[in-house]
Amino acid sequence: HVFPNPAKENITFDVVENATLTIYALTG
């Protein structure tokens, strides 16, 4: 569950398990 989308000041990632979050620009 990723919200809000589009985001303004914050974005929340809601997952059950421990996870590694990686964020990339469109350029990679």
mmCIF file of all heavy atoms, coordinates in Angstrom:
data_MODEL
# 
_entry.id   MODEL 
# 
loop_
_atom_site.group_PDB 
_atom_site.id 
_atom_site.type_symbol 
_atom_site.label_atom_id 
_atom_site.label_alt_id 
_atom_site.label_comp_id 
_atom_site.label_asym_id 
_atom_site.label_entity_id 
_atom_site.label_seq_id 
_atom_site.pdbx_PDB_ins_code 
_atom_site.Cartn_x 
_atom_site.Cartn_y 
_atom_site.Cartn_z 
_atom_site.occupancy 
_atom_site.B_iso_or_equiv 
_atom_site.pdbx_formal_charge 
_atom_site.auth_seq_id 
_atom_site.auth_comp_id 
_atom_site.auth_asym_id 
_atom_site.auth_atom_id 
_atom_site.pdbx_PDB_model_num 
ATOM 1   N N   . HIS A 1 1  ? 0.880  -1.167  0.000   1.00 0.00 ? 1  HIS A N   1 
ATOM 2   C CA  . HIS A 1 1  ? 0.000  0.000   0.000   1.00 0.00 ? 1  HIS A CA  1 
ATOM 3   C C   . HIS A 1 1  ? 0.921  1.220   0.000   1.00 0.00 ? 1  HIS A C   1 
ATOM 4   O O   . HIS A 1 1  ? 1.657  1.432   0.961   1.00 0.00 ? 1  HIS A O   1 
ATOM 5   C CB  . HIS A 1 1  ? -0.894 -0.044  1.233   1.00 0.00 ? 1  HIS A CB  1 
ATOM 6   C CG  . HIS A 1 1  ? -1.980 0.968   1.205   1.00 0.00 ? 1  HIS A CG  1 
ATOM 7   N ND1 . HIS A 1 1  ? -2.600 1.386   2.346   1.00 0.00 ? 1  HIS A ND1 1 
ATOM 8   C CD2 . HIS A 1 1  ? -2.576 1.645   0.196   1.00 0.00 ? 1  HIS A CD2 1 
ATOM 9   C CE1 . HIS A 1 1  ? -3.521 2.283   2.026   1.00 0.00 ? 1  HIS A CE1 1 
ATOM 10  N NE2 . HIS A 1 1  ? -3.516 2.454   0.738   1.00 0.00 ? 1  HIS A NE2 1 
ATOM 11  N N   . VAL A 1 2  ? 0.918  1.984   -1.087  1.00 0.00 ? 2  VAL A N   1 
ATOM 12  C CA  . VAL A 1 2  ? 1.781  3.165   -1.244  1.00 0.00 ? 2  VAL A CA  1 
ATOM 13  C C   . VAL A 1 2  ? 0.863  4.367   -1.409  1.00 0.00 ? 2  VAL A C   1 
ATOM 14  O O   . VAL A 1 2  ? 0.069  4.429   -2.354  1.00 0.00 ? 2  VAL A O   1 
ATOM 15  C CB  . VAL A 1 2  ? 2.716  3.006   -2.466  1.00 0.00 ? 2  VAL A CB  1 
ATOM 16  C CG1 . VAL A 1 2  ? 3.601  4.223   -2.629  1.00 0.00 ? 2  VAL A CG1 1 
ATOM 17  C CG2 . VAL A 1 2  ? 3.557  1.734   -2.336  1.00 0.00 ? 2  VAL A CG2 1 
ATOM 18  N N   . PHE A 1 3  ? 0.974  5.325   -0.494  1.00 0.00 ? 3  PHE A N   1 
ATOM 19  C CA  . PHE A 1 3  ? 0.039  6.458   -0.524  1.00 0.00 ? 3  PHE A CA  1 
ATOM 20  C C   . PHE A 1 3  ? 0.673  7.688   0.105   1.00 0.00 ? 3  PHE A C   1 
ATOM 21  O O   . PHE A 1 3  ? 1.599  7.552   0.897   1.00 0.00 ? 3  PHE A O   1 
ATOM 22  C CB  . PHE A 1 3  ? -1.262 6.084   0.209   1.00 0.00 ? 3  PHE A CB  1 
ATOM 23  C CG  . PHE A 1 3  ? -1.054 5.743   1.666   1.00 0.00 ? 3  PHE A CG  1 
ATOM 24  C CD1 . PHE A 1 3  ? -1.204 6.699   2.649   1.00 0.00 ? 3  PHE A CD1 1 
ATOM 25  C CD2 . PHE A 1 3  ? -0.674 4.453   2.059   1.00 0.00 ? 3  PHE A CD2 1 
ATOM 26  C CE1 . PHE A 1 3  ? -1.009 6.393   4.001   1.00 0.00 ? 3  PHE A CE1 1 
ATOM 27  C CE2 . PHE A 1 3  ? -0.481 4.130   3.402   1.00 0.00 ? 3  PHE A CE2 1 
ATOM 28  C CZ  . PHE A 1 3  ? -0.646 5.104   4.366   1.00 0.00 ? 3  PHE A CZ  1 
ATOM 29  N N   . PRO A 1 4  ? 0.224  8.901   -0.202  1.00 0.00 ? 4  PRO A N   1 
ATOM 30  C CA  . PRO A 1 4  ? -0.652 9.214   -1.333  1.00 0.00 ? 4  PRO A CA  1 
ATOM 31  C C   . PRO A 1 4  ? 0.132  9.160   -2.635  1.00 0.00 ? 4  PRO A C   1 
ATOM 32  O O   . PRO A 1 4  ? 1.353  9.304   -2.633  1.00 0.00 ? 4  PRO A O   1 
ATOM 33  C CB  . PRO A 1 4  ? -1.111 10.640  -1.030  1.00 0.00 ? 4  PRO A CB  1 
ATOM 34  C CG  . PRO A 1 4  ? 0.035  11.250  -0.273  1.00 0.00 ? 4  PRO A CG  1 
ATOM 35  C CD  . PRO A 1 4  ? 0.623  10.108  0.525   1.00 0.00 ? 4  PRO A CD  1 
ATOM 36  N N   . ASN A 1 5  ? -0.545 8.973   -3.706  1.00 0.00 ? 5  ASN A N   1 
ATOM 37  C CA  . ASN A 1 5  ? 0.105  8.945   -5.014  1.00 0.00 ? 5  ASN A CA  1 
ATOM 38  C C   . ASN A 1 5  ? -0.826 9.627   -5.997  1.00 0.00 ? 5  ASN A C   1 
ATOM 39  O O   . ASN A 1 5  ? -1.865 9.051   -6.317  1.00 0.00 ? 5  ASN A O   1 
ATOM 40  C CB  . ASN A 1 5  ? 0.401  7.518   -5.436  1.00 0.00 ? 5  ASN A CB  1 
ATOM 41  C CG  . ASN A 1 5  ? 1.320  7.438   -6.621  1.00 0.00 ? 5  ASN A CG  1 
ATOM 42  O OD1 . ASN A 1 5  ? 1.836  8.445   -7.084  1.00 0.00 ? 5  ASN A OD1 1 
ATOM 43  N ND2 . ASN A 1 5  ? 1.515  6.234   -7.132  1.00 0.00 ? 5  ASN A ND2 1 
ATOM 44  N N   . PRO A 1 6  ? -0.524 10.840  -6.434  1.00 0.00 ? 6  PRO A N   1 
ATOM 45  C CA  . PRO A 1 6  ? 0.740  11.568  -6.284  1.00 0.00 ? 6  PRO A CA  1 
ATOM 46  C C   . PRO A 1 6  ? 0.948  12.092  -4.870  1.00 0.00 ? 6  PRO A C   1 
ATOM 47  O O   . PRO A 1 6  ? -0.002 12.326  -4.136  1.00 0.00 ? 6  PRO A O   1 
ATOM 48  C CB  . PRO A 1 6  ? 0.635  12.707  -7.295  1.00 0.00 ? 6  PRO A CB  1 
ATOM 49  C CG  . PRO A 1 6  ? -0.821 12.884  -7.548  1.00 0.00 ? 6  PRO A CG  1 
ATOM 50  C CD  . PRO A 1 6  ? -1.468 11.548  -7.304  1.00 0.00 ? 6  PRO A CD  1 
ATOM 51  N N   . ALA A 1 7  ? 2.222  12.257  -4.538  1.00 0.00 ? 7  ALA A N   1 
ATOM 52  C CA  . ALA A 1 7  ? 2.622  12.722  -3.208  1.00 0.00 ? 7  ALA A CA  1 
ATOM 53  C C   . ALA A 1 7  ? 3.081  14.172  -3.276  1.00 0.00 ? 7  ALA A C   1 
ATOM 54  O O   . ALA A 1 7  ? 3.504  14.649  -4.325  1.00 0.00 ? 7  ALA A O   1 
ATOM 55  C CB  . ALA A 1 7  ? 3.736  11.846  -2.666  1.00 0.00 ? 7  ALA A CB  1 
ATOM 56  N N   . LYS A 1 8  ? 3.045  14.834  -2.125  1.00 0.00 ? 8  LYS A N   1 
ATOM 57  C CA  . LYS A 1 8  ? 3.459  16.235  -2.053  1.00 0.00 ? 8  LYS A CA  1 
ATOM 58  C C   . LYS A 1 8  ? 4.648  16.396  -1.105  1.00 0.00 ? 8  LYS A C   1 
ATOM 59  O O   . LYS A 1 8  ? 5.719  16.820  -1.534  1.00 0.00 ? 8  LYS A O   1 
ATOM 60  C CB  . LYS A 1 8  ? 2.292  17.095  -1.594  1.00 0.00 ? 8  LYS A CB  1 
ATOM 61  C CG  . LYS A 1 8  ? 2.493  18.557  -1.777  1.00 0.00 ? 8  LYS A CG  1 
ATOM 62  C CD  . LYS A 1 8  ? 1.201  19.295  -1.490  1.00 0.00 ? 8  LYS A CD  1 
ATOM 63  C CE  . LYS A 1 8  ? 1.339  20.730  -1.937  1.00 0.00 ? 8  LYS A CE  1 
ATOM 64  N NZ  . LYS A 1 8  ? 0.090  21.448  -1.910  1.00 0.00 ? 8  LYS A NZ  1 
ATOM 65  N N   . GLU A 1 9  ? 4.482  16.071  0.163   1.00 0.00 ? 9  GLU A N   1 
ATOM 66  C CA  . GLU A 1 9  ? 5.546  16.247  1.160   1.00 0.00 ? 9  GLU A CA  1 
ATOM 67  C C   . GLU A 1 9  ? 6.092  14.923  1.678   1.00 0.00 ? 9  GLU A C   1 
ATOM 68  O O   . GLU A 1 9  ? 7.254  14.831  2.039   1.00 0.00 ? 9  GLU A O   1 
ATOM 69  C CB  . GLU A 1 9  ? 5.010  17.066  2.330   1.00 0.00 ? 9  GLU A CB  1 
ATOM 70  C CG  . GLU A 1 9  ? 4.604  18.468  1.939   1.00 0.00 ? 9  GLU A CG  1 
ATOM 71  C CD  . GLU A 1 9  ? 3.919  19.216  3.073   1.00 0.00 ? 9  GLU A CD  1 
ATOM 72  O OE1 . GLU A 1 9  ? 3.808  18.666  4.185   1.00 0.00 ? 9  GLU A OE1 1 
ATOM 73  O OE2 . GLU A 1 9  ? 3.501  20.353  2.849   1.00 0.00 ? 9  GLU A OE2 1 
ATOM 74  N N   . ASN A 1 10 ? 5.233  13.902  1.756   1.00 0.00 ? 10 ASN A N   1 
ATOM 75  C CA  . ASN A 1 10 ? 5.610  12.594  2.282   1.00 0.00 ? 10 ASN A CA  1 
ATOM 76  C C   . ASN A 1 10 ? 4.935  11.512  1.458   1.00 0.00 ? 10 ASN A C   1 
ATOM 77  O O   . ASN A 1 10 ? 3.890  11.747  0.863   1.00 0.00 ? 10 ASN A O   1 
ATOM 78  C CB  . ASN A 1 10 ? 5.131  12.415  3.735   1.00 0.00 ? 10 ASN A CB  1 
ATOM 79  C CG  . ASN A 1 10 ? 5.727  13.437  4.654   1.00 0.00 ? 10 ASN A CG  1 
ATOM 80  O OD1 . ASN A 1 10 ? 6.928  13.525  4.802   1.00 0.00 ? 10 ASN A OD1 1 
ATOM 81  N ND2 . ASN A 1 10 ? 4.869  14.234  5.286   1.00 0.00 ? 10 ASN A ND2 1 
ATOM 82  N N   . ILE A 1 11 ? 5.523  10.312  1.467   1.00 0.00 ? 11 ILE A N   1 
ATOM 83  C CA  . ILE A 1 11 ? 4.885  9.141   0.887   1.00 0.00 ? 11 ILE A CA  1 
ATOM 84  C C   . ILE A 1 11 ? 5.058  7.998   1.877   1.00 0.00 ? 11 ILE A C   1 
ATOM 85  O O   . ILE A 1 11 ? 6.094  7.909   2.541   1.00 0.00 ? 11 ILE A O   1 
ATOM 86  C CB  . ILE A 1 11 ? 5.440  8.801   -0.509  1.00 0.00 ? 11 ILE A CB  1 
ATOM 87  C CG1 . ILE A 1 11 ? 4.555  7.754   -1.172  1.00 0.00 ? 11 ILE A CG1 1 
ATOM 88  C CG2 . ILE A 1 11 ? 6.892  8.378   -0.461  1.00 0.00 ? 11 ILE A CG2 1 
ATOM 89  C CD1 . ILE A 1 11 ? 4.706  7.709   -2.679  1.00 0.00 ? 11 ILE A CD1 1 
ATOM 90  N N   . THR A 1 12 ? 4.029  7.166   1.998   1.00 0.00 ? 12 THR A N   1 
ATOM 91  C CA  . THR A 1 12 ? 4.057  6.068   2.955   1.00 0.00 ? 12 THR A CA  1 
ATOM 92  C C   . THR A 1 12 ? 4.033  4.739   2.225   1.00 0.00 ? 12 THR A C   1 
ATOM 93  O O   . THR A 1 12 ? 3.231  4.538   1.301   1.00 0.00 ? 12 THR A O   1 
ATOM 94  C CB  . THR A 1 12 ? 2.858  6.162   3.916   1.00 0.00 ? 12 THR A CB  1 
ATOM 95  O OG1 . THR A 1 12 ? 2.941  7.405   4.617   1.00 0.00 ? 12 THR A OG1 1 
ATOM 96  C CG2 . THR A 1 12 ? 2.849  5.023   4.915   1.00 0.00 ? 12 THR A CG2 1 
ATOM 97  N N   . PHE A 1 13 ? 4.929  3.847   2.637   1.00 0.00 ? 13 PHE A N   1 
ATOM 98  C CA  . PHE A 1 13 ? 4.985  2.473   2.130   1.00 0.00 ? 13 PHE A CA  1 
ATOM 99  C C   . PHE A 1 13 ? 4.537  1.578   3.277   1.00 0.00 ? 13 PHE A C   1 
ATOM 100 O O   . PHE A 1 13 ? 5.143  1.591   4.343   1.00 0.00 ? 13 PHE A O   1 
ATOM 101 C CB  . PHE A 1 13 ? 6.417  2.112   1.709   1.00 0.00 ? 13 PHE A CB  1 
ATOM 102 C CG  . PHE A 1 13 ? 6.911  2.913   0.545   1.00 0.00 ? 13 PHE A CG  1 
ATOM 103 C CD1 . PHE A 1 13 ? 7.492  4.158   0.743   1.00 0.00 ? 13 PHE A CD1 1 
ATOM 104 C CD2 . PHE A 1 13 ? 6.783  2.441   -0.747  1.00 0.00 ? 13 PHE A CD2 1 
ATOM 105 C CE1 . PHE A 1 13 ? 7.946  4.913   -0.331  1.00 0.00 ? 13 PHE A CE1 1 
ATOM 106 C CE2 . PHE A 1 13 ? 7.230  3.187   -1.826  1.00 0.00 ? 13 PHE A CE2 1 
ATOM 107 C CZ  . PHE A 1 13 ? 7.813  4.423   -1.614  1.00 0.00 ? 13 PHE A CZ  1 
ATOM 108 N N   . ASP A 1 14 ? 3.475  0.822   3.063   1.00 0.00 ? 14 ASP A N   1 
ATOM 109 C CA  . ASP A 1 14 ? 2.919  -0.037  4.105   1.00 0.00 ? 14 ASP A CA  1 
ATOM 110 C C   . ASP A 1 14 ? 3.083  -1.488  3.671   1.00 0.00 ? 14 ASP A C   1 
ATOM 111 O O   . ASP A 1 14 ? 2.442  -1.932  2.708   1.00 0.00 ? 14 ASP A O   1 
ATOM 112 C CB  . ASP A 1 14 ? 1.449  0.317   4.315   1.00 0.00 ? 14 ASP A CB  1 
ATOM 113 C CG  . ASP A 1 14 ? 0.875  -0.256  5.592   1.00 0.00 ? 14 ASP A CG  1 
ATOM 114 O OD1 . ASP A 1 14 ? 1.592  -0.988  6.298   1.00 0.00 ? 14 ASP A OD1 1 
ATOM 115 O OD2 . ASP A 1 14 ? -0.298 0.025   5.882   1.00 0.00 ? 14 ASP A OD2 1 
ATOM 116 N N   . VAL A 1 15 ? 3.954  -2.234  4.351   1.00 0.00 ? 15 VAL A N   1 
ATOM 117 C CA  . VAL A 1 15 ? 4.235  -3.634  4.027   1.00 0.00 ? 15 VAL A CA  1 
ATOM 118 C C   . VAL A 1 15 ? 4.169  -4.465  5.303   1.00 0.00 ? 15 VAL A C   1 
ATOM 119 O O   . VAL A 1 15 ? 4.327  -3.953  6.407   1.00 0.00 ? 15 VAL A O   1 
ATOM 120 C CB  . VAL A 1 15 ? 5.615  -3.802  3.362   1.00 0.00 ? 15 VAL A CB  1 
ATOM 121 C CG1 . VAL A 1 15 ? 5.666  -3.095  2.024   1.00 0.00 ? 15 VAL A CG1 1 
ATOM 122 C CG2 . VAL A 1 15 ? 6.725  -3.295  4.254   1.00 0.00 ? 15 VAL A CG2 1 
ATOM 123 N N   . VAL A 1 16 ? 3.936  -5.771  5.149   1.00 0.00 ? 16 VAL A N   1 
ATOM 124 C CA  . VAL A 1 16 ? 3.856  -6.662  6.298   1.00 0.00 ? 16 VAL A CA  1 
ATOM 125 C C   . VAL A 1 16 ? 5.242  -7.107  6.734   1.00 0.00 ? 16 VAL A C   1 
ATOM 126 O O   . VAL A 1 16 ? 5.577  -7.102  7.905   1.00 0.00 ? 16 VAL A O   1 
ATOM 127 C CB  . VAL A 1 16 ? 2.969  -7.884  5.961   1.00 0.00 ? 16 VAL A CB  1 
ATOM 128 C CG1 . VAL A 1 16 ? 3.024  -8.908  7.072   1.00 0.00 ? 16 VAL A CG1 1 
ATOM 129 C CG2 . VAL A 1 16 ? 1.540  -7.438  5.731   1.00 0.00 ? 16 VAL A CG2 1 
ATOM 130 N N   . GLU A 1 17 ? 6.070  -7.528  5.783   1.00 0.00 ? 17 GLU A N   1 
ATOM 131 C CA  . GLU A 1 17 ? 7.403  -8.055  6.077   1.00 0.00 ? 17 GLU A CA  1 
ATOM 132 C C   . GLU A 1 17 ? 8.455  -6.947  6.102   1.00 0.00 ? 17 GLU A C   1 
ATOM 133 O O   . GLU A 1 17 ? 8.255  -5.897  5.518   1.00 0.00 ? 17 GLU A O   1 
ATOM 134 C CB  . GLU A 1 17 ? 7.842  -9.031  4.979   1.00 0.00 ? 17 GLU A CB  1 
ATOM 135 C CG  . GLU A 1 17 ? 7.004  -10.246 4.826   1.00 0.00 ? 17 GLU A CG  1 
ATOM 136 C CD  . GLU A 1 17 ? 7.577  -11.129 3.738   1.00 0.00 ? 17 GLU A CD  1 
ATOM 137 O OE1 . GLU A 1 17 ? 8.781  -11.429 3.772   1.00 0.00 ? 17 GLU A OE1 1 
ATOM 138 O OE2 . GLU A 1 17 ? 6.813  -11.511 2.851   1.00 0.00 ? 17 GLU A OE2 1 
ATOM 139 N N   . ASN A 1 18 ? 9.596  -7.238  6.715   1.00 0.00 ? 18 ASN A N   1 
ATOM 140 C CA  . ASN A 1 18 ? 10.749 -6.357  6.569   1.00 0.00 ? 18 ASN A CA  1 
ATOM 141 C C   . ASN A 1 18 ? 11.156 -6.383  5.103   1.00 0.00 ? 18 ASN A C   1 
ATOM 142 O O   . ASN A 1 18 ? 11.149 -7.444  4.477   1.00 0.00 ? 18 ASN A O   1 
ATOM 143 C CB  . ASN A 1 18 ? 11.914 -6.834  7.423   1.00 0.00 ? 18 ASN A CB  1 
ATOM 144 C CG  . ASN A 1 18 ? 11.621 -6.716  8.895   1.00 0.00 ? 18 ASN A CG  1 
ATOM 145 O OD1 . ASN A 1 18 ? 10.726 -5.999  9.305   1.00 0.00 ? 18 ASN A OD1 1 
ATOM 146 N ND2 . ASN A 1 18 ? 12.374 -7.428  9.699   1.00 0.00 ? 18 ASN A ND2 1 
ATOM 147 N N   . ALA A 1 19 ? 11.511 -5.228  4.564   1.00 0.00 ? 19 ALA A N   1 
ATOM 148 C CA  . ALA A 1 19 ? 11.849 -5.144  3.145   1.00 0.00 ? 19 ALA A CA  1 
ATOM 149 C C   . ALA A 1 19 ? 12.903 -4.077  2.925   1.00 0.00 ? 19 ALA A C   1 
ATOM 150 O O   . ALA A 1 19 ? 13.071 -3.170  3.742   1.00 0.00 ? 19 ALA A O   1 
ATOM 151 C CB  . ALA A 1 19 ? 10.605 -4.820  2.322   1.00 0.00 ? 19 ALA A CB  1 
ATOM 152 N N   . THR A 1 20 ? 13.589 -4.185  1.804   1.00 0.00 ? 20 THR A N   1 
ATOM 153 C CA  . THR A 1 20 ? 14.512 -3.150  1.359   1.00 0.00 ? 20 THR A CA  1 
ATOM 154 C C   . THR A 1 20 ? 13.794 -2.305  0.327   1.00 0.00 ? 20 THR A C   1 
ATOM 155 O O   . THR A 1 20 ? 13.337 -2.823  -0.698  1.00 0.00 ? 20 THR A O   1 
ATOM 156 C CB  . THR A 1 20 ? 15.782 -3.756  0.741   1.00 0.00 ? 20 THR A CB  1 
ATOM 157 O OG1 . THR A 1 20 ? 16.416 -4.596  1.701   1.00 0.00 ? 20 THR A OG1 1 
ATOM 158 C CG2 . THR A 1 20 ? 16.751 -2.666  0.302   1.00 0.00 ? 20 THR A CG2 1 
ATOM 159 N N   . LEU A 1 21 ? 13.666 -1.016  0.604   1.00 0.00 ? 21 LEU A N   1 
ATOM 160 C CA  . LEU A 1 21 ? 13.047 -0.065  -0.317  1.00 0.00 ? 21 LEU A CA  1 
ATOM 161 C C   . LEU A 1 21 ? 14.157 0.606   -1.107  1.00 0.00 ? 21 LEU A C   1 
ATOM 162 O O   . LEU A 1 21 ? 15.107 1.140   -0.532  1.00 0.00 ? 21 LEU A O   1 
ATOM 163 C CB  . LEU A 1 21 ? 12.257 0.996   0.463   1.00 0.00 ? 21 LEU A CB  1 
ATOM 164 C CG  . LEU A 1 21 ? 11.794 2.219   -0.324  1.00 0.00 ? 21 LEU A CG  1 
ATOM 165 C CD1 . LEU A 1 21 ? 10.785 1.829   -1.395  1.00 0.00 ? 21 LEU A CD1 1 
ATOM 166 C CD2 . LEU A 1 21 ? 11.213 3.260   0.616   1.00 0.00 ? 21 LEU A CD2 1 
ATOM 167 N N   . THR A 1 22 ? 14.034 0.558   -2.424  1.00 0.00 ? 22 THR A N   1 
ATOM 168 C CA  . THR A 1 22 ? 14.981 1.226   -3.308  1.00 0.00 ? 22 THR A CA  1 
ATOM 169 C C   . THR A 1 22 ? 14.188 2.155   -4.212  1.00 0.00 ? 22 THR A C   1 
ATOM 170 O O   . THR A 1 22 ? 13.176 1.753   -4.776  1.00 0.00 ? 22 THR A O   1 
ATOM 171 C CB  . THR A 1 22 ? 15.759 0.206   -4.160  1.00 0.00 ? 22 THR A CB  1 
ATOM 172 O OG1 . THR A 1 22 ? 16.276 -0.816  -3.314  1.00 0.00 ? 22 THR A OG1 1 
ATOM 173 C CG2 . THR A 1 22 ? 16.921 0.858   -4.884  1.00 0.00 ? 22 THR A CG2 1 
ATOM 174 N N   . ILE A 1 23 ? 14.648 3.410   -4.334  1.00 0.00 ? 23 ILE A N   1 
ATOM 175 C CA  . ILE A 1 23 ? 13.970 4.392   -5.182  1.00 0.00 ? 23 ILE A CA  1 
ATOM 176 C C   . ILE A 1 23 ? 14.947 4.846   -6.265  1.00 0.00 ? 23 ILE A C   1 
ATOM 177 O O   . ILE A 1 23 ? 16.104 5.158   -5.982  1.00 0.00 ? 23 ILE A O   1 
ATOM 178 C CB  . ILE A 1 23 ? 13.472 5.597   -4.362  1.00 0.00 ? 23 ILE A CB  1 
ATOM 179 C CG1 . ILE A 1 23 ? 12.432 5.119   -3.346  1.00 0.00 ? 23 ILE A CG1 1 
ATOM 180 C CG2 . ILE A 1 23 ? 12.888 6.678   -5.281  1.00 0.00 ? 23 ILE A CG2 1 
ATOM 181 C CD1 . ILE A 1 23 ? 11.901 6.193   -2.434  1.00 0.00 ? 23 ILE A CD1 1 
ATOM 182 N N   . TYR A 1 24 ? 14.432 4.870   -7.502  1.00 0.00 ? 24 TYR A N   1 
ATOM 183 C CA  . TYR A 1 24 ? 15.221 5.260   -8.670  1.00 0.00 ? 24 TYR A CA  1 
ATOM 184 C C   . TYR A 1 24 ? 14.549 6.419   -9.394  1.00 0.00 ? 24 TYR A C   1 
ATOM 185 O O   . TYR A 1 24 ? 13.319 6.489   -9.458  1.00 0.00 ? 24 TYR A O   1 
ATOM 186 C CB  . TYR A 1 24 ? 15.314 4.101   -9.676  1.00 0.00 ? 24 TYR A CB  1 
ATOM 187 C CG  . TYR A 1 24 ? 15.977 2.869   -9.151  1.00 0.00 ? 24 TYR A CG  1 
ATOM 188 C CD1 . TYR A 1 24 ? 15.237 1.843   -8.581  1.00 0.00 ? 24 TYR A CD1 1 
ATOM 189 C CD2 . TYR A 1 24 ? 17.351 2.713   -9.238  1.00 0.00 ? 24 TYR A CD2 1 
ATOM 190 C CE1 . TYR A 1 24 ? 15.846 0.695   -8.106  1.00 0.00 ? 24 TYR A CE1 1 
ATOM 191 C CE2 . TYR A 1 24 ? 17.965 1.568   -8.765  1.00 0.00 ? 24 TYR A CE2 1 
ATOM 192 C CZ  . TYR A 1 24 ? 17.213 0.562   -8.209  1.00 0.00 ? 24 TYR A CZ  1 
ATOM 193 O OH  . TYR A 1 24 ? 17.810 -0.574  -7.736  1.00 0.00 ? 24 TYR A OH  1 
ATOM 194 N N   . ALA A 1 25 ? 15.367 7.302   -9.985  1.00 0.00 ? 25 ALA A N   1 
ATOM 195 C CA  . ALA A 1 25 ? 14.862 8.321   -10.902 1.00 0.00 ? 25 ALA A CA  1 
ATOM 196 C C   . ALA A 1 25 ? 14.506 7.621   -12.218 1.00 0.00 ? 25 ALA A C   1 
ATOM 197 O O   . ALA A 1 25 ? 14.915 6.482   -12.460 1.00 0.00 ? 25 ALA A O   1 
ATOM 198 C CB  . ALA A 1 25 ? 15.931 9.387   -11.144 1.00 0.00 ? 25 ALA A CB  1 
ATOM 199 N N   . LEU A 1 26 ? 13.766 8.283   -13.085 1.00 0.00 ? 26 LEU A N   1 
ATOM 200 C CA  . LEU A 1 26 ? 13.425 7.702   -14.387 1.00 0.00 ? 26 LEU A CA  1 
ATOM 201 C C   . LEU A 1 26 ? 14.657 7.395   -15.219 1.00 0.00 ? 26 LEU A C   1 
ATOM 202 O O   . LEU A 1 26 ? 14.628 6.527   -16.086 1.00 0.00 ? 26 LEU A O   1 
ATOM 203 C CB  . LEU A 1 26 ? 12.497 8.637   -15.168 1.00 0.00 ? 26 LEU A CB  1 
ATOM 204 C CG  . LEU A 1 26 ? 11.032 8.620   -14.746 1.00 0.00 ? 26 LEU A CG  1 
ATOM 205 C CD1 . LEU A 1 26 ? 10.221 9.603   -15.589 1.00 0.00 ? 26 LEU A CD1 1 
ATOM 206 C CD2 . LEU A 1 26 ? 10.439 7.239   -14.842 1.00 0.00 ? 26 LEU A CD2 1 
ATOM 207 N N   . THR A 1 27 ? 15.752 8.078   -14.935 1.00 0.00 ? 27 THR A N   1 
ATOM 208 C CA  . THR A 1 27 ? 17.006 7.843   -15.661 1.00 0.00 ? 27 THR A CA  1 
ATOM 209 C C   . THR A 1 27 ? 17.701 6.561   -15.193 1.00 0.00 ? 27 THR A C   1 
ATOM 210 O O   . THR A 1 27 ? 18.686 6.148   -15.774 1.00 0.00 ? 27 THR A O   1 
ATOM 211 C CB  . THR A 1 27 ? 17.976 9.014   -15.448 1.00 0.00 ? 27 THR A CB  1 
ATOM 212 O OG1 . THR A 1 27 ? 18.257 9.122   -14.041 1.00 0.00 ? 27 THR A OG1 1 
ATOM 213 C CG2 . THR A 1 27 ? 17.406 10.315  -15.969 1.00 0.00 ? 27 THR A CG2 1 
ATOM 214 N N   . GLY A 1 28 ? 17.195 5.952   -14.119 1.00 0.00 ? 28 GLY A N   1 
ATOM 215 C CA  . GLY A 1 28 ? 17.817 4.751   -13.570 1.00 0.00 ? 28 GLY A CA  1 
ATOM 216 C C   . GLY A 1 28 ? 18.770 5.036   -12.429 1.00 0.00 ? 28 GLY A C   1 
ATOM 217 O O   . GLY A 1 28 ? 19.313 4.115   -11.826 1.00 0.00 ? 28 GLY A O   1 
# 
